[in-house]
Amino acid sequence: MKRKAFPNFAKTVKSMKIIPVGQKILVKPLEAKETKSSGGIIIPESVAVADLREAEVVEVSPDLAHKYSEGDHVLYPSKAGLGQEYNGSLHLWLRENLEEIWGLAKN
């Protein structure tokens, strides 16, 4: 028996609010930053020693609401997370219990 396709499902998902469950947060990666050496050489973030990325928290599971809030900036390893398109741009699912979130970035 063939499954029936849901043609409007993709449109619905894009306009829905997603609430993470368990130990997850949904983040929007920020643009990679470049730094300059003392001699003026531009060092792209992809060559950085720690290879950490920064992202803005978009949604937080109720289990982690006491630690993270929408708008917080978190640090995560470049290879962490699971990508998903959300509201027209790439977002990542990060899991705290797998140590994909390394810290909060504060000004």
C-alpha atoms as a PDB file:
ATOM      1  CA  MET A   1       0.000   0.000   0.000  1.00  0.00           C
ATOM      2  CA  LYS A   2       1.375   3.361  -1.020  1.00  0.00           C
ATOM      3  CA  ARG A   3       1.588   6.176   1.494  1.00  0.00           C
ATOM      4  CA  LYS A   4      -0.287   9.312   0.682  1.00  0.00           C
ATOM      5  CA  ALA A   5       1.903  12.391   0.248  1.00  0.00           C
ATOM      6  CA  PHE A   6       1.218  15.551   2.186  1.00  0.00           C
ATOM      7  CA  PRO A   7       1.911  18.359  -0.319  1.00  0.00           C
ATOM      8  CA  ASN A   8       1.539  21.213   2.186  1.00  0.00           C
ATOM      9  CA  PHE A   9       3.659  19.643   4.922  1.00  0.00           C
ATOM     10  CA  ALA A  10       6.856  21.558   3.975  1.00  0.00           C
ATOM     11  CA  LYS A  11       4.997  24.874   4.067  1.00  0.00           C
ATOM     12  CA  THR A  12       3.476  24.029   7.448  1.00  0.00           C
ATOM     13  CA  VAL A  13       6.823  23.116   9.016  1.00  0.00           C
ATOM     14  CA  LYS A  14       8.391  26.385   7.899  1.00  0.00           C
ATOM     15  CA  SER A  15       5.713  28.439   9.617  1.00  0.00           C
ATOM     16  CA  MET A  16       5.415  26.332  12.793  1.00  0.00           C
ATOM     17  CA  LYS A  17       7.131  27.140  16.082  1.00  0.00           C
ATOM     18  CA  ILE A  18       9.366  24.258  17.119  1.00  0.00           C
ATOM     19  CA  ILE A  19       9.763  23.455  20.814  1.00  0.00           C
ATOM     20  CA  PRO A  20      12.755  21.171  21.462  1.00  0.00           C
ATOM     21  CA  VAL A  21      12.329  18.285  23.898  1.00  0.00           C
ATOM     22  CA  GLY A  22      14.855  16.582  26.166  1.00  0.00           C
ATOM     23  CA  GLN A  23      18.339  18.062  26.361  1.00  0.00           C
ATOM     24  CA  LYS A  24      18.221  19.971  23.050  1.00  0.00           C
ATOM     25  CA  ILE A  25      18.350  23.564  21.857  1.00  0.00           C
ATOM     26  CA  LEU A  26      17.800  24.960  18.365  1.00  0.00           C
ATOM     27  CA  VAL A  27      20.395  27.542  17.315  1.00  0.00           C
ATOM     28  CA  LYS A  28      21.112  29.739  14.318  1.00  0.00           C
ATOM     29  CA  PRO A  29      24.840  29.740  13.473  1.00  0.00           C
ATOM     30  CA  LEU A  30      26.422  33.177  13.251  1.00  0.00           C
ATOM     31  CA  GLU A  31      28.668  34.222  10.379  1.00  0.00           C
ATOM     32  CA  ALA A  32      32.266  33.090  10.677  1.00  0.00           C
ATOM     33  CA  LYS A  33      34.555  35.803  11.992  1.00  0.00           C
ATOM     34  CA  GLU A  34      38.022  36.577  10.730  1.00  0.00           C
ATOM     35  CA  THR A  35      40.778  37.814  12.976  1.00  0.00           C
ATOM     36  CA  LYS A  36      44.015  39.628  12.136  1.00  0.00           C
ATOM     37  CA  SER A  37      47.442  38.701  13.370  1.00  0.00           C
ATOM     38  CA  SER A  38      49.730  41.374  14.802  1.00  0.00           C
ATOM     39  CA  GLY A  39      51.308  41.625  11.319  1.00  0.00           C
ATOM     40  CA  GLY A  40      47.932  42.270   9.679  1.00  0.00           C
ATOM     41  CA  ILE A  41      47.449  38.785   8.203  1.00  0.00           C
ATOM     42  CA  ILE A  42      43.784  37.752   8.138  1.00  0.00           C
ATOM     43  CA  ILE A  43      43.227  34.397   9.857  1.00  0.00           C
ATOM     44  CA  PRO A  44      39.857  32.834   8.903  1.00  0.00           C
ATOM     45  CA  GLU A  45      37.858  31.130  11.645  1.00  0.00           C
ATOM     46  CA  SER A  46      38.261  27.787   9.863  1.00  0.00           C
ATOM     47  CA  VAL A  47      41.969  27.841  10.842  1.00  0.00           C
ATOM     48  CA  ALA A  48      41.389  28.816  14.478  1.00  0.00           C
ATOM     49  CA  VAL A  49      43.051  26.617  17.076  1.00  0.00           C
ATOM     50  CA  ALA A  50      39.941  25.649  19.053  1.00  0.00           C
ATOM     51  CA  ASP A  51      37.700  25.515  15.959  1.00  0.00           C
ATOM     52  CA  LEU A  52      34.652  26.641  17.962  1.00  0.00           C
ATOM     53  CA  ARG A  53      31.661  28.305  16.354  1.00  0.00           C
ATOM     54  CA  GLU A  54      29.154  30.735  17.805  1.00  0.00           C
ATOM     55  CA  ALA A  55      25.386  30.535  17.409  1.00  0.00           C
ATOM     56  CA  GLU A  56      22.313  32.355  18.670  1.00  0.00           C
ATOM     57  CA  VAL A  57      19.786  30.326  20.647  1.00  0.00           C
ATOM     58  CA  VAL A  58      16.413  30.322  18.882  1.00  0.00           C
ATOM     59  CA  GLU A  59      14.409  27.722  20.850  1.00  0.00           C
ATOM     60  CA  VAL A  60      15.092  25.926  24.148  1.00  0.00           C
ATOM     61  CA  SER A  61      13.607  22.721  25.548  1.00  0.00           C
ATOM     62  CA  PRO A  62      11.733  23.116  28.842  1.00  0.00           C
ATOM     63  CA  ASP A  63      14.416  20.897  30.462  1.00  0.00           C
ATOM     64  CA  LEU A  64      17.111  23.497  29.693  1.00  0.00           C
ATOM     65  CA  ALA A  65      15.109  26.716  30.150  1.00  0.00           C
ATOM     66  CA  HIS A  66      16.892  27.383  33.460  1.00  0.00           C
ATOM     67  CA  LYS A  67      20.277  27.453  31.624  1.00  0.00           C
ATOM     68  CA  TYR A  68      19.604  29.008  28.202  1.00  0.00           C
ATOM     69  CA  SER A  69      17.281  31.695  26.854  1.00  0.00           C
ATOM     70  CA  GLU A  70      16.327  32.832  23.378  1.00  0.00           C
ATOM     71  CA  GLY A  71      18.946  35.285  22.164  1.00  0.00           C
ATOM     72  CA  ASP A  72      21.843  33.799  24.175  1.00  0.00           C
ATOM     73  CA  HIS A  73      25.011  33.043  22.225  1.00  0.00           C
ATOM     74  CA  VAL A  74      26.552  29.599  22.686  1.00  0.00           C
ATOM     75  CA  LEU A  75      29.865  28.082  21.620  1.00  0.00           C
ATOM     76  CA  TYR A  76      29.951  24.669  19.963  1.00  0.00           C
ATOM     77  CA  PRO A  77      32.508  22.565  18.030  1.00  0.00           C
ATOM     78  CA  SER A  78      32.312  23.028  14.267  1.00  0.00           C
ATOM     79  CA  LYS A  79      31.340  19.398  13.650  1.00  0.00           C
ATOM     80  CA  ALA A  80      28.545  19.304  16.262  1.00  0.00           C
ATOM     81  CA  GLY A  81      24.809  19.382  15.737  1.00  0.00           C
ATOM     82  CA  LEU A  82      22.257  18.270  13.202  1.00  0.00           C
ATOM     83  CA  GLY A  83      21.263  20.804  10.529  1.00  0.00           C
ATOM     84  CA  GLN A  84      17.694  21.713   9.645  1.00  0.00           C
ATOM     85  CA  GLU A  85      16.087  24.447   7.595  1.00  0.00           C
ATOM     86  CA  TYR A  86      13.832  26.532   9.829  1.00  0.00           C
ATOM     87  CA  ASN A  87      12.085  29.752   8.809  1.00  0.00           C
ATOM     88  CA  GLY A  88      14.082  29.860   5.584  1.00  0.00           C
ATOM     89  CA  SER A  89      17.615  29.522   6.970  1.00  0.00           C
ATOM     90  CA  LEU A  90      19.947  26.830   8.301  1.00  0.00           C
ATOM     91  CA  HIS A  91      19.646  26.049  12.007  1.00  0.00           C
ATOM     92  CA  LEU A  92      21.326  23.401  14.161  1.00  0.00           C
ATOM     93  CA  TRP A  93      20.029  21.081  16.838  1.00  0.00           C
ATOM     94  CA  LEU A  94      22.574  20.892  19.665  1.00  0.00           C
ATOM     95  CA  ARG A  95      22.352  18.352  22.496  1.00  0.00           C
ATOM     96  CA  GLU A  96      23.680  19.246  25.909  1.00  0.00           C
ATOM     97  CA  ASN A  97      23.878  15.639  27.107  1.00  0.00           C
ATOM     98  CA  LEU A  98      26.363  14.866  24.278  1.00  0.00           C
ATOM     99  CA  GLU A  99      28.477  17.894  25.238  1.00  0.00           C
ATOM    100  CA  GLU A 100      27.825  19.690  21.957  1.00  0.00           C
ATOM    101  CA  ILE A 101      27.394  22.971  23.851  1.00  0.00           C
ATOM    102  CA  TRP A 102      30.738  24.112  25.221  1.00  0.00           C
ATOM    103  CA  GLY A 103      29.787  27.453  26.753  1.00  0.00           C
ATOM    104  CA  LEU A 104      27.916  30.740  26.704  1.00  0.00           C
ATOM    105  CA  ALA A 105      29.445  33.718  24.905  1.00  0.00           C
ATOM    106  CA  LYS A 106      29.039  36.889  26.982  1.00  0.00           C
ATOM    107  CA  ASN A 107      30.069  40.455  26.106  1.00  0.00           C
END
